Amino acid sequence: MEPLTWFHRVGYTGIAACLLWPRMGVHAVGVAGLILFVLLEKALHKRRTVRARRE
C-alpha cells in the first residue's frame, strides 16, 4: 500500500470532521474535503494508468 499523501490526509480529516463536529459548521468543510478527495483520487488514478501505458 502506498503511503498517505497530503490529500488523503485532507480527505480523512474532512470525513472525521463530519463525524465529530457536524454542528459546528465544520460539516460543510468536511463535505468539501470529501468531494475534493474523491476528485483527486480519480484524477491521479487516470494519470497513473496513462504513465503505465507509456512505459
N, C-alpha and C. Protein backbone atom coordinates (compact mmCIF):
# COMPACT_ATOMS: atom_id res chain seq x y z
N MET A 1 0.83 -1.20 0.00
CA MET A 1 0.00 0.00 0.00
C MET A 1 0.87 1.26 0.00
N GLU A 2 0.45 2.25 -0.74
CA GLU A 2 1.22 3.49 -0.83
C GLU A 2 1.07 4.32 0.44
N PRO A 3 2.09 5.10 0.78
CA PRO A 3 1.96 6.00 1.93
C PRO A 3 0.91 7.08 1.65
N LEU A 4 0.31 7.57 2.71
CA LEU A 4 -0.73 8.59 2.56
C LEU A 4 -0.13 9.89 2.04
N THR A 5 -0.76 10.46 1.05
CA THR A 5 -0.34 11.76 0.54
C THR A 5 -1.15 12.84 1.24
N TRP A 6 -0.82 14.09 0.95
CA TRP A 6 -1.48 15.19 1.67
C TRP A 6 -2.98 15.21 1.43
N PHE A 7 -3.44 14.88 0.23
CA PHE A 7 -4.89 14.95 0.01
C PHE A 7 -5.61 13.76 0.61
N HIS A 8 -4.91 12.64 0.82
CA HIS A 8 -5.51 11.55 1.59
C HIS A 8 -5.79 12.04 3.00
N ARG A 9 -4.77 12.72 3.56
CA ARG A 9 -4.93 13.23 4.93
C ARG A 9 -6.05 14.25 5.00
N VAL A 10 -6.12 15.14 4.01
CA VAL A 10 -7.20 16.14 3.98
C VAL A 10 -8.56 15.45 3.88
N GLY A 11 -8.64 14.45 3.02
CA GLY A 11 -9.90 13.72 2.86
C GLY A 11 -10.34 13.04 4.13
N TYR A 12 -9.40 12.34 4.77
CA TYR A 12 -9.74 11.63 6.00
C TYR A 12 -10.05 12.62 7.13
N THR A 13 -9.35 13.74 7.16
CA THR A 13 -9.64 14.77 8.15
C THR A 13 -11.04 15.33 7.94
N GLY A 14 -11.41 15.53 6.68
CA GLY A 14 -12.76 16.02 6.37
C GLY A 14 -13.83 15.04 6.80
N ILE A 15 -13.60 13.75 6.57
CA ILE A 15 -14.56 12.73 6.99
C ILE A 15 -14.68 12.73 8.51
N ALA A 16 -13.54 12.79 9.19
CA ALA A 16 -13.54 12.81 10.65
C ALA A 16 -14.27 14.06 11.17
N ALA A 17 -14.06 15.20 10.50
CA ALA A 17 -14.73 16.44 10.91
C ALA A 17 -16.25 16.30 10.78
N CYS A 18 -16.70 15.66 9.70
CA CYS A 18 -18.14 15.44 9.52
C CYS A 18 -18.70 14.63 10.67
N LEU A 19 -17.96 13.60 11.07
CA LEU A 19 -18.45 12.70 12.11
C LEU A 19 -18.38 13.32 13.50
N LEU A 20 -17.31 14.08 13.75
CA LEU A 20 -17.07 14.56 15.11
C LEU A 20 -17.77 15.88 15.42
N TRP A 21 -17.78 16.81 14.43
CA TRP A 21 -18.32 18.14 14.71
C TRP A 21 -19.36 18.58 13.69
N PRO A 22 -20.44 17.84 13.53
CA PRO A 22 -21.41 18.19 12.48
C PRO A 22 -22.18 19.48 12.76
N ARG A 23 -22.19 19.93 14.03
CA ARG A 23 -23.00 21.12 14.36
C ARG A 23 -22.18 22.40 14.39
N MET A 24 -20.88 22.30 14.19
CA MET A 24 -20.03 23.48 14.38
C MET A 24 -19.66 24.17 13.06
N GLY A 25 -20.37 23.86 12.01
CA GLY A 25 -20.05 24.48 10.73
C GLY A 25 -18.92 23.79 10.00
N VAL A 26 -18.37 22.76 10.63
CA VAL A 26 -17.27 22.03 10.00
C VAL A 26 -17.83 21.02 9.01
N HIS A 27 -19.12 20.77 9.10
CA HIS A 27 -19.75 19.78 8.22
C HIS A 27 -19.53 20.14 6.75
N ALA A 28 -19.71 21.42 6.42
CA ALA A 28 -19.53 21.86 5.03
C ALA A 28 -18.08 21.67 4.60
N VAL A 29 -17.15 21.96 5.49
CA VAL A 29 -15.73 21.77 5.18
C VAL A 29 -15.44 20.29 4.96
N GLY A 30 -16.04 19.45 5.79
CA GLY A 30 -15.84 18.01 5.66
C GLY A 30 -16.37 17.49 4.34
N VAL A 31 -17.55 17.95 3.95
CA VAL A 31 -18.13 17.52 2.68
C VAL A 31 -17.26 17.98 1.52
N ALA A 32 -16.80 19.24 1.57
CA ALA A 32 -15.93 19.76 0.52
C ALA A 32 -14.64 18.95 0.45
N GLY A 33 -14.08 18.63 1.61
CA GLY A 33 -12.86 17.82 1.66
C GLY A 33 -13.08 16.44 1.06
N LEU A 34 -14.22 15.85 1.36
CA LEU A 34 -14.54 14.53 0.82
C LEU A 34 -14.68 14.57 -0.70
N ILE A 35 -15.36 15.61 -1.21
CA ILE A 35 -15.54 15.75 -2.66
C ILE A 35 -14.18 15.94 -3.34
N LEU A 36 -13.34 16.82 -2.78
CA LEU A 36 -12.01 17.02 -3.34
C LEU A 36 -11.20 15.74 -3.31
N PHE A 37 -11.31 15.00 -2.22
CA PHE A 37 -10.61 13.74 -2.06
C PHE A 37 -10.97 12.78 -3.19
N VAL A 38 -12.27 12.64 -3.46
CA VAL A 38 -12.73 11.72 -4.49
C VAL A 38 -12.27 12.18 -5.87
N LEU A 39 -12.40 13.48 -6.15
CA LEU A 39 -11.99 14.01 -7.46
C LEU A 39 -10.50 13.83 -7.69
N LEU A 40 -9.69 14.12 -6.67
CA LEU A 40 -8.25 13.98 -6.81
C LEU A 40 -7.85 12.52 -6.98
N GLU A 41 -8.52 11.63 -6.28
CA GLU A 41 -8.24 10.20 -6.42
C GLU A 41 -8.48 9.77 -7.86
N LYS A 42 -9.60 10.20 -8.44
CA LYS A 42 -9.92 9.82 -9.83
C LYS A 42 -8.88 10.39 -10.79
N ALA A 43 -8.51 11.65 -10.59
CA ALA A 43 -7.54 12.30 -11.47
C ALA A 43 -6.18 11.59 -11.39
N LEU A 44 -5.74 11.28 -10.19
CA LEU A 44 -4.46 10.61 -10.03
C LEU A 44 -4.49 9.21 -10.61
N HIS A 45 -5.59 8.52 -10.46
CA HIS A 45 -5.70 7.17 -10.99
C HIS A 45 -5.57 7.19 -12.51
N LYS A 46 -6.18 8.20 -13.15
CA LYS A 46 -6.07 8.33 -14.60
C LYS A 46 -4.63 8.59 -15.01
N ARG A 47 -3.94 9.48 -14.28
CA ARG A 47 -2.55 9.79 -14.61
C ARG A 47 -1.67 8.55 -14.48
N ARG A 48 -1.91 7.76 -13.45
CA ARG A 48 -1.10 6.56 -13.23
C ARG A 48 -1.30 5.57 -14.36
N THR A 49 -2.54 5.40 -14.83
CA THR A 49 -2.79 4.45 -15.90
C THR A 49 -2.16 4.94 -17.20
N VAL A 50 -2.19 6.25 -17.44
CA VAL A 50 -1.57 6.81 -18.65
C VAL A 50 -0.06 6.59 -18.60
N ARG A 51 0.56 6.85 -17.46
CA ARG A 51 2.00 6.64 -17.33
C ARG A 51 2.36 5.18 -17.51
N ALA A 52 1.55 4.29 -16.96
CA ALA A 52 1.82 2.86 -17.07
C ALA A 52 1.73 2.41 -18.53
N ARG A 53 0.82 2.98 -19.28
CA ARG A 53 0.68 2.61 -20.70
C ARG A 53 1.87 3.11 -21.52
N ARG A 54 2.39 4.28 -21.18
CA ARG A 54 3.53 4.83 -21.93
C ARG A 54 4.79 4.00 -21.73
N GLU A 55 4.93 3.44 -20.54
CA GLU A 55 6.14 2.66 -20.23
C GLU A 55 6.03 1.28 -20.75
